[in-house]
C-alpha cells in the first residue's frame, strides 16, 4: 500500500519535473522512499518465508510464535525506517 500510494506517484512527479529546476530535496526524498520500500519488502518476504518454513518443518513445535512474529514485524518496520534515513 505504501508503495502504491507514496512511491509510485512520487516517481511520476520526479519524471515529469524538468531537469533544470532545483529538485534536490524531492530527489533525496524519493530515494529515501525507494530505499524504505525495497528494504521493507525484502525483509517482509524473508519473514514470510521463515514462517512458511517453520510451519512446514515443525508444525507442532513452532519457533515463530505469535509474540515472536509481532516482535519480528516491529523490528522489520524499525529497520526499514532507519533505511529511510540513510540516503
PDB file of N, CA and C in Angstrom:
ATOM      1  N   UNK A   1       0.831  -1.184   0.000  1.00  0.00           N
ATOM      2  CA  UNK A   1       0.000   0.000   0.000  1.00  0.00           C
ATOM      3  C   UNK A   1       0.883   1.258   0.000  1.00  0.00           C
ATOM      4  N   UNK A   2       1.956   1.227   0.799  1.00  0.00           N
ATOM      5  CA  UNK A   2       2.850   2.389   0.863  1.00  0.00           C
ATOM      6  C   UNK A   2       3.498   2.642  -0.494  1.00  0.00           C
ATOM      7  N   UNK A   3       3.867   1.568  -1.179  1.00  0.00           N
ATOM      8  CA  UNK A   3       4.499   1.728  -2.495  1.00  0.00           C
ATOM      9  C   UNK A   3       3.508   2.327  -3.490  1.00  0.00           C
ATOM     10  N   UNK A   4       2.281   1.813  -3.500  1.00  0.00           N
ATOM     11  CA  UNK A   4       1.288   2.299  -4.464  1.00  0.00           C
ATOM     12  C   UNK A   4       0.830   3.721  -4.162  1.00  0.00           C
ATOM     13  N   UNK A   5       0.671   4.053  -2.893  1.00  0.00           N
ATOM     14  CA  UNK A   5       0.161   5.368  -2.525  1.00  0.00           C
ATOM     15  C   UNK A   5       1.259   6.428  -2.512  1.00  0.00           C
ATOM     16  N   UNK A   6       2.457   6.044  -2.118  1.00  0.00           N
ATOM     17  CA  UNK A   6       3.514   7.029  -1.946  1.00  0.00           C
ATOM     18  C   UNK A   6       4.594   7.021  -3.001  1.00  0.00           C
ATOM     19  N   UNK A   7       5.176   5.862  -3.236  1.00  0.00           N
ATOM     20  CA  UNK A   7       6.375   5.819  -4.076  1.00  0.00           C
ATOM     21  C   UNK A   7       6.079   5.959  -5.572  1.00  0.00           C
ATOM     22  N   UNK A   8       5.047   5.333  -6.051  1.00  0.00           N
ATOM     23  CA  UNK A   8       4.757   5.400  -7.490  1.00  0.00           C
ATOM     24  C   UNK A   8       4.357   6.817  -7.920  1.00  0.00           C
ATOM     25  N   UNK A   9       3.439   7.497  -7.205  1.00  0.00           N
ATOM     26  CA  UNK A   9       3.155   8.885  -7.604  1.00  0.00           C
ATOM     27  C   UNK A   9       4.362   9.811  -7.472  1.00  0.00           C
ATOM     28  N   UNK A  10       5.184   9.585  -6.462  1.00  0.00           N
ATOM     29  CA  UNK A  10       6.387  10.399  -6.299  1.00  0.00           C
ATOM     30  C   UNK A  10       7.362  10.168  -7.450  1.00  0.00           C
ATOM     31  N   UNK A  11       7.473   8.943  -7.909  1.00  0.00           N
ATOM     32  CA  UNK A  11       8.323   8.642  -9.066  1.00  0.00           C
ATOM     33  C   UNK A  11       7.805   9.331 -10.315  1.00  0.00           C
ATOM     34  N   UNK A  12       6.495   9.349 -10.492  1.00  0.00           N
ATOM     35  CA  UNK A  12       5.904  10.027 -11.651  1.00  0.00           C
ATOM     36  C   UNK A  12       6.166  11.530 -11.580  1.00  0.00           C
ATOM     37  N   UNK A  13       6.060  12.106 -10.394  1.00  0.00           N
ATOM     38  CA  UNK A  13       6.352  13.536 -10.230  1.00  0.00           C
ATOM     39  C   UNK A  13       7.806  13.824 -10.571  1.00  0.00           C
ATOM     40  N   UNK A  14       8.715  12.992 -10.113  1.00  0.00           N
ATOM     41  CA  UNK A  14      10.141  13.179 -10.405  1.00  0.00           C
ATOM     42  C   UNK A  14      10.392  13.117 -11.909  1.00  0.00           C
ATOM     43  N   UNK A  15       9.726  12.193 -12.583  1.00  0.00           N
ATOM     44  CA  UNK A  15       9.924  12.057 -14.024  1.00  0.00           C
ATOM     45  C   UNK A  15       9.321  13.215 -14.805  1.00  0.00           C
ATOM     46  N   UNK A  16       8.235  13.806 -14.303  1.00  0.00           N
ATOM     47  CA  UNK A  16       7.571  14.887 -15.020  1.00  0.00           C
ATOM     48  C   UNK A  16       8.201  16.252 -14.766  1.00  0.00           C
ATOM     49  N   UNK A  17       8.938  16.405 -13.673  1.00  0.00           N
ATOM     50  CA  UNK A  17       9.585  17.686 -13.401  1.00  0.00           C
ATOM     51  C   UNK A  17      10.735  17.904 -14.381  1.00  0.00           C
ATOM     52  N   UNK A  18      10.957  19.136 -14.700  1.00  0.00           N
ATOM     53  CA  UNK A  18      12.059  19.433 -15.617  1.00  0.00           C
ATOM     54  C   UNK A  18      13.388  19.238 -14.902  1.00  0.00           C
ATOM     55  N   UNK A  19      14.397  18.885 -15.637  1.00  0.00           N
ATOM     56  CA  UNK A  19      15.710  18.639 -15.061  1.00  0.00           C
ATOM     57  C   UNK A  19      16.426  19.926 -14.675  1.00  0.00           C
ATOM     58  N   UNK A  20      15.965  21.060 -15.191  1.00  0.00           N
ATOM     59  CA  UNK A  20      16.627  22.331 -14.917  1.00  0.00           C
ATOM     60  C   UNK A  20      16.197  22.949 -13.589  1.00  0.00           C
ATOM     61  N   UNK A  21      15.061  22.554 -13.060  1.00  0.00           N
ATOM     62  CA  UNK A  21      14.603  23.147 -11.800  1.00  0.00           C
ATOM     63  C   UNK A  21      15.364  22.526 -10.629  1.00  0.00           C
ATOM     64  N   UNK A  22      15.322  23.215  -9.510  1.00  0.00           N
ATOM     65  CA  UNK A  22      16.035  22.780  -8.322  1.00  0.00           C
ATOM     66  C   UNK A  22      15.169  21.770  -7.565  1.00  0.00           C
ATOM     67  N   UNK A  23      15.391  20.488  -7.813  1.00  0.00           N
ATOM     68  CA  UNK A  23      14.576  19.435  -7.206  1.00  0.00           C
ATOM     69  C   UNK A  23      15.420  18.494  -6.355  1.00  0.00           C
ATOM     70  N   UNK A  24      16.480  18.996  -5.764  1.00  0.00           N
ATOM     71  CA  UNK A  24      17.376  18.136  -4.987  1.00  0.00           C
ATOM     72  C   UNK A  24      16.666  17.537  -3.776  1.00  0.00           C
ATOM     73  N   UNK A  25      15.848  18.333  -3.087  1.00  0.00           N
ATOM     74  CA  UNK A  25      15.156  17.834  -1.907  1.00  0.00           C
ATOM     75  C   UNK A  25      14.136  16.762  -2.277  1.00  0.00           C
ATOM     76  N   UNK A  26      13.411  16.985  -3.349  1.00  0.00           N
ATOM     77  CA  UNK A  26      12.428  15.991  -3.793  1.00  0.00           C
ATOM     78  C   UNK A  26      13.128  14.712  -4.232  1.00  0.00           C
ATOM     79  N   UNK A  27      14.255  14.848  -4.921  1.00  0.00           N
ATOM     80  CA  UNK A  27      15.004  13.669  -5.371  1.00  0.00           C
ATOM     81  C   UNK A  27      15.552  12.876  -4.187  1.00  0.00           C
ATOM     82  N   UNK A  28      16.040  13.568  -3.178  1.00  0.00           N
ATOM     83  CA  UNK A  28      16.541  12.876  -1.984  1.00  0.00           C
ATOM     84  C   UNK A  28      15.410  12.164  -1.249  1.00  0.00           C
ATOM     85  N   UNK A  29      14.255  12.824  -1.149  1.00  0.00           N
ATOM     86  CA  UNK A  29      13.104  12.189  -0.511  1.00  0.00           C
ATOM     87  C   UNK A  29      12.638  10.982  -1.305  1.00  0.00           C
ATOM     88  N   UNK A  30      12.676  11.080  -2.622  1.00  0.00           N
ATOM     89  CA  UNK A  30      12.293   9.955  -3.472  1.00  0.00           C
ATOM     90  C   UNK A  30      13.237   8.779  -3.259  1.00  0.00           C
ATOM     91  N   UNK A  31      14.527   9.036  -3.212  1.00  0.00           N
ATOM     92  CA  UNK A  31      15.498   7.967  -2.977  1.00  0.00           C
ATOM     93  C   UNK A  31      15.289   7.329  -1.612  1.00  0.00           C
ATOM     94  N   UNK A  32      14.961   8.135  -0.610  1.00  0.00           N
ATOM     95  CA  UNK A  32      14.700   7.598   0.722  1.00  0.00           C
ATOM     96  C   UNK A  32      13.457   6.713   0.721  1.00  0.00           C
ATOM     97  N   UNK A  33      12.422   7.129   0.005  1.00  0.00           N
ATOM     98  CA  UNK A  33      11.201   6.320  -0.084  1.00  0.00           C
ATOM     99  C   UNK A  33      11.453   5.001  -0.798  1.00  0.00           C
ATOM    100  N   UNK A  34      12.230   5.046  -1.858  1.00  0.00           N
ATOM    101  CA  UNK A  34      12.566   3.819  -2.589  1.00  0.00           C
ATOM    102  C   UNK A  34      13.392   2.888  -1.709  1.00  0.00           C
ATOM    103  N   UNK A  35      14.326   3.438  -0.959  1.00  0.00           N
ATOM    104  CA  UNK A  35      15.137   2.636  -0.048  1.00  0.00           C
ATOM    105  C   UNK A  35      14.268   1.995   1.026  1.00  0.00           C
ATOM    106  N   UNK A  36      13.367   2.771   1.613  1.00  0.00           N
ATOM    107  CA  UNK A  36      12.446   2.245   2.627  1.00  0.00           C
ATOM    108  C   UNK A  36      11.593   1.121   2.057  1.00  0.00           C
ATOM    109  N   UNK A  37      11.022   1.338   0.883  1.00  0.00           N
ATOM    110  CA  UNK A  37      10.128   0.345   0.290  1.00  0.00           C
ATOM    111  C   UNK A  37      10.873  -0.929  -0.081  1.00  0.00           C
ATOM    112  N   UNK A  38      12.070  -0.803  -0.627  1.00  0.00           N
ATOM    113  CA  UNK A  38      12.798  -2.004  -1.043  1.00  0.00           C
ATOM    114  C   UNK A  38      13.285  -2.811   0.154  1.00  0.00           C
ATOM    115  N   UNK A  39      13.774  -2.144   1.179  1.00  0.00           N
ATOM    116  CA  UNK A  39      14.243  -2.871   2.368  1.00  0.00           C
ATOM    117  C   UNK A  39      13.078  -3.536   3.089  1.00  0.00           C
ATOM    118  N   UNK A  40      11.988  -2.823   3.260  1.00  0.00           N
ATOM    119  CA  UNK A  40      10.848  -3.423   3.960  1.00  0.00           C
ATOM    120  C   UNK A  40      10.247  -4.578   3.163  1.00  0.00           C
ATOM    121  N   UNK A  41      10.195  -4.464   1.854  1.00  0.00           N
ATOM    122  CA  UNK A  41       9.673  -5.552   1.034  1.00  0.00           C
ATOM    123  C   UNK A  41      10.561  -6.785   1.123  1.00  0.00           C
ATOM    124  N   UNK A  42      11.857  -6.602   1.011  1.00  0.00           N
ATOM    125  CA  UNK A  42      12.777  -7.734   1.063  1.00  0.00           C
ATOM    126  C   UNK A  42      12.742  -8.432   2.413  1.00  0.00           C
ATOM    127  N   UNK A  43      12.727  -7.668   3.488  1.00  0.00           N
ATOM    128  CA  UNK A  43      12.726  -8.283   4.817  1.00  0.00           C
ATOM    129  C   UNK A  43      11.376  -8.932   5.117  1.00  0.00           C
ATOM    130  N   UNK A  44      10.279  -8.355   4.639  1.00  0.00           N
ATOM    131  CA  UNK A  44       8.966  -8.984   4.825  1.00  0.00           C
ATOM    132  C   UNK A  44       8.861 -10.295   4.067  1.00  0.00           C
ATOM    133  N   UNK A  45       9.415 -10.359   2.868  1.00  0.00           N
ATOM    134  CA  UNK A  45       9.420 -11.616   2.116  1.00  0.00           C
ATOM    135  C   UNK A  45      10.236 -12.665   2.871  1.00  0.00           C
ATOM    136  N   UNK A  46      11.364 -12.245   3.442  1.00  0.00           N
ATOM    137  CA  UNK A  46      12.173 -13.163   4.243  1.00  0.00           C
ATOM    138  C   UNK A  46      11.396 -13.663   5.460  1.00  0.00           C
ATOM    139  N   UNK A  47      10.668 -12.779   6.141  1.00  0.00           N
ATOM    140  CA  UNK A  47       9.894 -13.180   7.314  1.00  0.00           C
ATOM    141  C   UNK A  47       8.763 -14.139   6.942  1.00  0.00           C
ATOM    142  N   UNK A  48       8.119 -13.897   5.828  1.00  0.00           N
ATOM    143  CA  UNK A  48       7.059 -14.806   5.369  1.00  0.00           C
ATOM    144  C   UNK A  48       7.648 -16.159   5.015  1.00  0.00           C
ATOM    145  N   UNK A  49       8.815 -16.164   4.364  1.00  0.00           N
ATOM    146  CA  UNK A  49       9.483 -17.418   4.030  1.00  0.00           C
ATOM    147  C   UNK A  49       9.870 -18.180   5.292  1.00  0.00           C
ATOM    148  N   UNK A  50      10.383 -17.471   6.283  1.00  0.00           N
ATOM    149  CA  UNK A  50      10.732 -18.096   7.560  1.00  0.00           C
ATOM    150  C   UNK A  50       9.503 -18.692   8.230  1.00  0.00           C
ATOM    151  N   UNK A  51       8.382 -18.005   8.195  1.00  0.00           N
ATOM    152  CA  UNK A  51       7.153 -18.516   8.790  1.00  0.00           C
ATOM    153  C   UNK A  51       6.660 -19.757   8.055  1.00  0.00           C
ATOM    154  N   UNK A  52       6.686 -19.724   6.740  1.00  0.00           N
ATOM    155  CA  UNK A  52       6.231 -20.894   5.967  1.00  0.00           C
ATOM    156  C   UNK A  52       7.146 -22.094   6.200  1.00  0.00           C
ATOM    157  N   UNK A  53       8.438 -21.850   6.297  1.00  0.00           N
ATOM    158  CA  UNK A  53       9.383 -22.927   6.581  1.00  0.00           C
ATOM    159  C   UNK A  53       9.122 -23.504   7.969  1.00  0.00           C
ATOM    160  N   UNK A  54       8.897 -22.646   8.935  1.00  0.00           N
ATOM    161  CA  UNK A  54       8.666 -23.089  10.306  1.00  0.00           C
ATOM    162  C   UNK A  54       7.404 -23.930  10.413  1.00  0.00           C
ATOM    163  N   UNK A  55       6.351 -23.526   9.729  1.00  0.00           N
ATOM    164  CA  UNK A  55       5.094 -24.271   9.830  1.00  0.00           C
ATOM    165  C   UNK A  55       5.151 -25.593   9.054  1.00  0.00           C
ATOM    166  N   UNK A  56       5.982 -25.659   8.008  1.00  0.00           N
ATOM    167  CA  UNK A  56       6.046 -26.913   7.252  1.00  0.00           C
ATOM    168  C   UNK A  56       7.018 -27.913   7.865  1.00  0.00           C
ATOM    169  N   UNK A  57       8.068 -27.454   8.531  1.00  0.00           N
ATOM    170  CA  UNK A  57       9.048 -28.371   9.115  1.00  0.00           C
ATOM    171  C   UNK A  57       8.618 -28.834  10.503  1.00  0.00           C
ATOM    172  N   UNK A  58       8.165 -27.921  11.335  1.00  0.00           N
ATOM    173  CA  UNK A  58       7.776 -28.258  12.716  1.00  0.00           C
ATOM    174  C   UNK A  58       6.387 -27.715  13.026  1.00  0.00           C
ATOM    175  N   UNK A  59       5.353 -28.341  12.504  1.00  0.00           N
ATOM    176  CA  UNK A  59       4.013 -27.785  12.744  1.00  0.00           C
ATOM    177  C   UNK A  59       3.562 -27.876  14.208  1.00  0.00           C
ATOM    178  N   UNK A  60       4.045 -28.854  14.947  1.00  0.00           N
ATOM    179  CA  UNK A  60       3.613 -28.994  16.340  1.00  0.00           C
ATOM    180  C   UNK A  60       4.454 -28.150  17.297  1.00  0.00           C
ATOM    181  N   UNK A  61       5.721 -27.943  16.968  1.00  0.00           N
ATOM    182  CA  UNK A  61       6.632 -27.214  17.856  1.00  0.00           C
ATOM    183  C   UNK A  61       7.231 -26.037  17.093  1.00  0.00           C
ATOM    184  N   UNK A  62       6.434 -25.007  16.907  1.00  0.00           N
ATOM    185  CA  UNK A  62       6.862 -23.861  16.100  1.00  0.00           C
ATOM    186  C   UNK A  62       7.791 -22.945  16.874  1.00  0.00           C
ATOM    187  N   UNK A  63       8.798 -22.436  16.177  1.00  0.00           N
ATOM    188  CA  UNK A  63       9.721 -21.469  16.764  1.00  0.00           C
ATOM    189  C   UNK A  63       9.124 -20.067  16.691  1.00  0.00           C
ATOM    190  N   UNK A  64       8.466 -19.756  15.588  1.00  0.00           N
ATOM    191  CA  UNK A  64       7.909 -18.420  15.382  1.00  0.00           C
ATOM    192  C   UNK A  64       6.481 -18.374  15.924  1.00  0.00           C
ATOM    193  N   UNK A  65       6.357 -18.080  17.217  1.00  0.00           N
ATOM    194  CA  UNK A  65       5.043 -17.973  17.844  1.00  0.00           C
ATOM    195  C   UNK A  65       4.442 -16.605  17.508  1.00  0.00           C
ATOM    196  N   UNK A  66       3.233 -16.367  17.955  1.00  0.00           N
ATOM    197  CA  UNK A  66       2.566 -15.100  17.654  1.00  0.00           C
ATOM    198  C   UNK A  66       3.318 -13.922  18.260  1.00  0.00           C
ATOM    199  N   UNK A  67       3.779 -14.050  19.483  1.00  0.00           N
ATOM    200  CA  UNK A  67       4.526 -12.966  20.115  1.00  0.00           C
ATOM    201  C   UNK A  67       5.836 -12.679  19.399  1.00  0.00           C
ATOM    202  N   UNK A  68       6.528 -13.733  18.995  1.00  0.00           N
ATOM    203  CA  UNK A  68       7.785 -13.547  18.268  1.00  0.00           C
ATOM    204  C   UNK A  68       7.540 -12.975  16.880  1.00  0.00           C
ATOM    205  N   UNK A  69       6.440 -13.360  16.251  1.00  0.00           N
ATOM    206  CA  UNK A  69       6.107 -12.818  14.933  1.00  0.00           C
ATOM    207  C   UNK A  69       5.811 -11.324  15.018  1.00  0.00           C
ATOM    208  N   UNK A  70       5.115 -10.909  16.069  1.00  0.00           N
ATOM    209  CA  UNK A  70       4.829  -9.483  16.262  1.00  0.00           C
ATOM    210  C   UNK A  70       6.130  -8.711  16.480  1.00  0.00           C
ATOM    211  N   UNK A  71       7.015  -9.256  17.302  1.00  0.00           N
ATOM    212  CA  UNK A  71       8.300  -8.605  17.536  1.00  0.00           C
ATOM    213  C   UNK A  71       9.141  -8.558  16.254  1.00  0.00           C
ATOM    214  N   UNK A  72       9.069  -9.603  15.435  1.00  0.00           N
ATOM    215  CA  UNK A  72       9.787  -9.626  14.162  1.00  0.00           C
ATOM    216  C   UNK A  72       9.258  -8.542  13.225  1.00  0.00           C
ATOM    217  N   UNK A  73       7.948  -8.396  13.139  1.00  0.00           N
ATOM    218  CA  UNK A  73       7.369  -7.371  12.273  1.00  0.00           C
ATOM    219  C   UNK A  73       7.702  -5.961  12.767  1.00  0.00           C
ATOM    220  N   UNK A  74       7.677  -5.762  14.077  1.00  0.00           N
ATOM    221  CA  UNK A  74       8.039  -4.445  14.625  1.00  0.00           C
ATOM    222  C   UNK A  74       9.491  -4.126  14.313  1.00  0.00           C
ATOM    223  N   UNK A  75      10.366  -5.105  14.484  1.00  0.00           N
ATOM    224  CA  UNK A  75      11.782  -4.861  14.186  1.00  0.00           C
ATOM    225  C   UNK A  75      12.011  -4.627  12.699  1.00  0.00           C
ATOM    226  N   UNK A  76      11.240  -5.280  11.844  1.00  0.00           N
ATOM    227  CA  UNK A  76      11.353  -5.054  10.402  1.00  0.00           C
ATOM    228  C   UNK A  76      10.992  -3.611  10.064  1.00  0.00           C
ATOM    229  N   UNK A  77       9.904  -3.115  10.618  1.00  0.00           N
ATOM    230  CA  UNK A  77       9.488  -1.744  10.305  1.00  0.00           C
ATOM    231  C   UNK A  77      10.436  -0.713  10.896  1.00  0.00           C
ATOM    232  N   UNK A  78      11.013  -1.002  12.063  1.00  0.00           N
ATOM    233  CA  UNK A  78      12.015  -0.092  12.636  1.00  0.00           C
ATOM    234  C   UNK A  78      13.263  -0.071  11.762  1.00  0.00           C
ATOM    235  N   UNK A  79      13.722  -1.245  11.338  1.00  0.00           N
ATOM    236  CA  UNK A  79      14.892  -1.321  10.463  1.00  0.00           C
ATOM    237  C   UNK A  79      14.625  -0.619   9.138  1.00  0.00           C
ATOM    238  N   UNK A  80      13.424  -0.768   8.602  1.00  0.00           N
ATOM    239  CA  UNK A  80      13.070  -0.103   7.347  1.00  0.00           C
ATOM    240  C   UNK A  80      13.027   1.411   7.517  1.00  0.00           C
ATOM    241  N   UNK A  81      12.555   1.873   8.669  1.00  0.00           N
ATOM    242  CA  UNK A  81      12.540   3.308   8.925  1.00  0.00           C
ATOM    243  C   UNK A  81      13.953   3.862   8.967  1.00  0.00           C
ATOM    244  N   UNK A  82      14.884   3.123   9.577  1.00  0.00           N
ATOM    245  CA  UNK A  82      16.280   3.570   9.609  1.00  0.00           C
ATOM    246  C   UNK A  82      16.887   3.568   8.213  1.00  0.00           C
ATOM    247  N   UNK A  83      16.447   2.660   7.345  1.00  0.00           N
ATOM    248  CA  UNK A  83      16.933   2.686   5.964  1.00  0.00           C
ATOM    249  C   UNK A  83      16.386   3.897   5.220  1.00  0.00           C
ATOM    250  N   UNK A  84      15.249   4.425   5.678  1.00  0.00           N
ATOM    251  CA  UNK A  84      14.706   5.662   5.099  1.00  0.00           C
ATOM    252  C   UNK A  84      15.619   6.843   5.415  1.00  0.00           C
ATOM    253  N   UNK A  85      16.267   6.822   6.565  1.00  0.00           N
ATOM    254  CA  UNK A  85      17.113   7.934   6.990  1.00  0.00           C
ATOM    255  C   UNK A  85      18.529   7.873   6.408  1.00  0.00           C
ATOM    256  N   UNK A  86      18.951   6.731   5.897  1.00  0.00           N
ATOM    257  CA  UNK A  86      20.312   6.558   5.424  1.00  0.00           C
ATOM    258  C   UNK A  86      20.643   7.368   4.162  1.00  0.00           C
ATOM    259  N   UNK A  87      19.800   7.366   3.110  1.00  0.00           N
ATOM    260  CA  UNK A  87      20.217   8.055   1.883  1.00  0.00           C
ATOM    261  C   UNK A  87      20.408   9.528   2.117  1.00  0.00           C
TER     262      UNK A  87
END
